[in-house]
Amino acid sequence: YGHAGRRIDNPAEVEDALKWAFSEEMKEKLVFLDFRTDQTENVYPMIPGGKGLSEMILV
């Protein structure tokens, strides 16, 4: 189907992965990013109160 994806294992890879996902090359594709985190980290989606998923803060 032409989907694309990457696994991000290291925090140093995050910026490059996001640039790739939003690049002109990926504009017409469904992109999956698999961010691997330690189970002990407190990770939550950064979505402002009252906003939708499309308004997630990425940076």
N, C-alpha and C. Protein backbone atom coordinates (compact mmCIF):
# COMPACT_ATOMS: atom_id res chain seq x y z
N TYR A 1 0.80 -1.20 0.00
CA TYR A 1 0.00 0.00 0.00
C TYR A 1 0.84 1.27 0.00
N GLY A 2 2.14 1.13 0.09
CA GLY A 2 3.01 2.30 0.04
C GLY A 2 3.21 3.00 1.37
N HIS A 3 2.85 2.35 2.48
CA HIS A 3 3.07 2.96 3.79
C HIS A 3 4.57 2.96 4.11
N ALA A 4 4.97 3.80 5.04
CA ALA A 4 6.37 3.87 5.45
C ALA A 4 6.43 3.90 6.97
N GLY A 5 7.53 3.41 7.52
CA GLY A 5 7.66 3.42 8.97
C GLY A 5 9.09 3.37 9.42
N ARG A 6 9.29 3.80 10.64
CA ARG A 6 10.61 3.76 11.28
C ARG A 6 10.45 3.47 12.76
N ARG A 7 11.45 2.78 13.30
CA ARG A 7 11.52 2.55 14.75
C ARG A 7 12.60 3.47 15.30
N ILE A 8 12.26 4.19 16.35
CA ILE A 8 13.19 5.12 16.98
C ILE A 8 13.55 4.56 18.34
N ASP A 9 14.81 4.12 18.49
CA ASP A 9 15.28 3.50 19.72
C ASP A 9 16.05 4.46 20.62
N ASN A 10 16.52 5.56 20.06
CA ASN A 10 17.41 6.46 20.76
C ASN A 10 16.86 7.89 20.69
N PRO A 11 16.84 8.62 21.79
CA PRO A 11 16.33 9.99 21.75
C PRO A 11 17.03 10.87 20.72
N ALA A 12 18.27 10.58 20.40
CA ALA A 12 19.02 11.36 19.42
C ALA A 12 18.45 11.19 18.01
N GLU A 13 17.64 10.16 17.78
CA GLU A 13 17.07 9.89 16.46
C GLU A 13 15.72 10.58 16.23
N VAL A 14 15.13 11.15 17.28
CA VAL A 14 13.78 11.69 17.19
C VAL A 14 13.67 12.82 16.17
N GLU A 15 14.55 13.79 16.24
CA GLU A 15 14.46 14.95 15.34
C GLU A 15 14.55 14.52 13.88
N ASP A 16 15.50 13.66 13.55
CA ASP A 16 15.64 13.19 12.17
C ASP A 16 14.41 12.41 11.72
N ALA A 17 13.85 11.59 12.61
CA ALA A 17 12.67 10.80 12.26
C ALA A 17 11.47 11.71 11.97
N LEU A 18 11.29 12.76 12.76
CA LEU A 18 10.18 13.69 12.53
C LEU A 18 10.38 14.47 11.24
N LYS A 19 11.61 14.89 10.97
CA LYS A 19 11.89 15.59 9.70
C LYS A 19 11.57 14.68 8.52
N TRP A 20 11.95 13.42 8.63
CA TRP A 20 11.68 12.45 7.56
C TRP A 20 10.17 12.26 7.38
N ALA A 21 9.45 12.10 8.50
CA ALA A 21 8.00 11.85 8.43
C ALA A 21 7.25 13.02 7.80
N PHE A 22 7.71 14.24 8.02
CA PHE A 22 7.04 15.42 7.48
C PHE A 22 7.69 15.94 6.20
N SER A 23 8.61 15.16 5.64
CA SER A 23 9.31 15.59 4.43
C SER A 23 8.39 15.54 3.21
N GLU A 24 8.81 16.22 2.18
CA GLU A 24 8.06 16.24 0.92
C GLU A 24 7.92 14.82 0.36
N GLU A 25 8.95 14.01 0.54
CA GLU A 25 8.95 12.62 0.05
C GLU A 25 7.82 11.80 0.67
N MET A 26 7.47 12.08 1.93
CA MET A 26 6.45 11.31 2.64
C MET A 26 5.08 11.97 2.60
N LYS A 27 4.95 13.08 1.91
CA LYS A 27 3.73 13.89 1.93
C LYS A 27 2.47 13.10 1.60
N GLU A 28 2.53 12.19 0.66
CA GLU A 28 1.35 11.45 0.21
C GLU A 28 1.27 10.04 0.81
N LYS A 29 2.10 9.74 1.82
CA LYS A 29 2.13 8.40 2.40
C LYS A 29 1.63 8.41 3.84
N LEU A 30 1.15 7.26 4.27
CA LEU A 30 0.83 7.05 5.67
C LEU A 30 2.13 6.64 6.35
N VAL A 31 2.53 7.37 7.38
CA VAL A 31 3.82 7.14 8.04
C VAL A 31 3.58 6.68 9.48
N PHE A 32 4.25 5.60 9.85
CA PHE A 32 4.21 5.09 11.22
C PHE A 32 5.56 5.35 11.87
N LEU A 33 5.55 5.91 13.08
CA LEU A 33 6.77 6.09 13.86
C LEU A 33 6.59 5.33 15.16
N ASP A 34 7.50 4.39 15.42
CA ASP A 34 7.46 3.56 16.62
C ASP A 34 8.54 4.05 17.58
N PHE A 35 8.14 4.83 18.58
CA PHE A 35 9.08 5.37 19.55
C PHE A 35 9.23 4.38 20.69
N ARG A 36 10.42 3.81 20.85
CA ARG A 36 10.68 2.85 21.91
C ARG A 36 11.13 3.60 23.15
N THR A 37 10.43 3.40 24.26
CA THR A 37 10.77 4.08 25.51
C THR A 37 10.87 3.06 26.64
N ASP A 38 11.60 3.43 27.65
CA ASP A 38 11.73 2.60 28.83
C ASP A 38 10.39 2.58 29.56
N GLN A 39 10.02 1.43 30.11
CA GLN A 39 8.73 1.30 30.80
C GLN A 39 8.61 2.20 32.01
N THR A 40 9.73 2.62 32.57
CA THR A 40 9.69 3.45 33.77
C THR A 40 9.52 4.94 33.46
N GLU A 41 9.60 5.32 32.19
CA GLU A 41 9.44 6.73 31.81
C GLU A 41 7.96 7.11 31.85
N ASN A 42 7.68 8.30 32.32
CA ASN A 42 6.31 8.82 32.32
C ASN A 42 6.10 9.58 31.02
N VAL A 43 5.52 8.91 30.04
CA VAL A 43 5.33 9.50 28.72
C VAL A 43 3.83 9.62 28.46
N TYR A 44 3.40 10.80 28.14
CA TYR A 44 2.00 11.06 27.85
C TYR A 44 1.90 11.82 26.54
N PRO A 45 0.82 11.69 25.80
CA PRO A 45 0.65 12.54 24.60
C PRO A 45 0.58 14.00 25.02
N MET A 46 1.20 14.85 24.25
CA MET A 46 1.17 16.29 24.53
C MET A 46 0.04 16.91 23.73
N ILE A 47 -1.17 16.82 24.27
CA ILE A 47 -2.35 17.38 23.62
C ILE A 47 -2.93 18.42 24.57
N PRO A 48 -3.00 19.67 24.13
CA PRO A 48 -3.57 20.71 25.00
C PRO A 48 -5.00 20.37 25.42
N GLY A 49 -5.38 20.76 26.62
CA GLY A 49 -6.72 20.51 27.12
C GLY A 49 -7.80 21.03 26.18
N GLY A 50 -8.79 20.21 25.90
CA GLY A 50 -9.89 20.60 25.05
C GLY A 50 -9.60 20.55 23.56
N LYS A 51 -8.41 20.08 23.19
CA LYS A 51 -8.03 20.01 21.78
C LYS A 51 -8.12 18.58 21.28
N GLY A 52 -8.06 18.40 19.97
CA GLY A 52 -8.14 17.08 19.36
C GLY A 52 -6.77 16.50 19.06
N LEU A 53 -6.75 15.22 18.66
CA LEU A 53 -5.50 14.55 18.34
C LEU A 53 -4.73 15.26 17.23
N SER A 54 -5.44 15.90 16.32
CA SER A 54 -4.77 16.59 15.22
C SER A 54 -4.03 17.84 15.69
N GLU A 55 -4.23 18.22 16.96
CA GLU A 55 -3.57 19.41 17.51
C GLU A 55 -2.48 19.04 18.52
N MET A 56 -1.94 17.81 18.40
CA MET A 56 -0.89 17.33 19.27
C MET A 56 0.36 18.18 19.10
N ILE A 57 1.04 18.46 20.20
CA ILE A 57 2.28 19.23 20.15
C ILE A 57 3.44 18.26 19.93
N LEU A 58 4.18 18.44 18.84
CA LEU A 58 5.28 17.55 18.52
C LEU A 58 6.63 18.09 18.97
N VAL A 59 6.77 19.38 19.02
CA VAL A 59 8.07 19.95 19.39
C VAL A 59 7.87 21.02 20.43
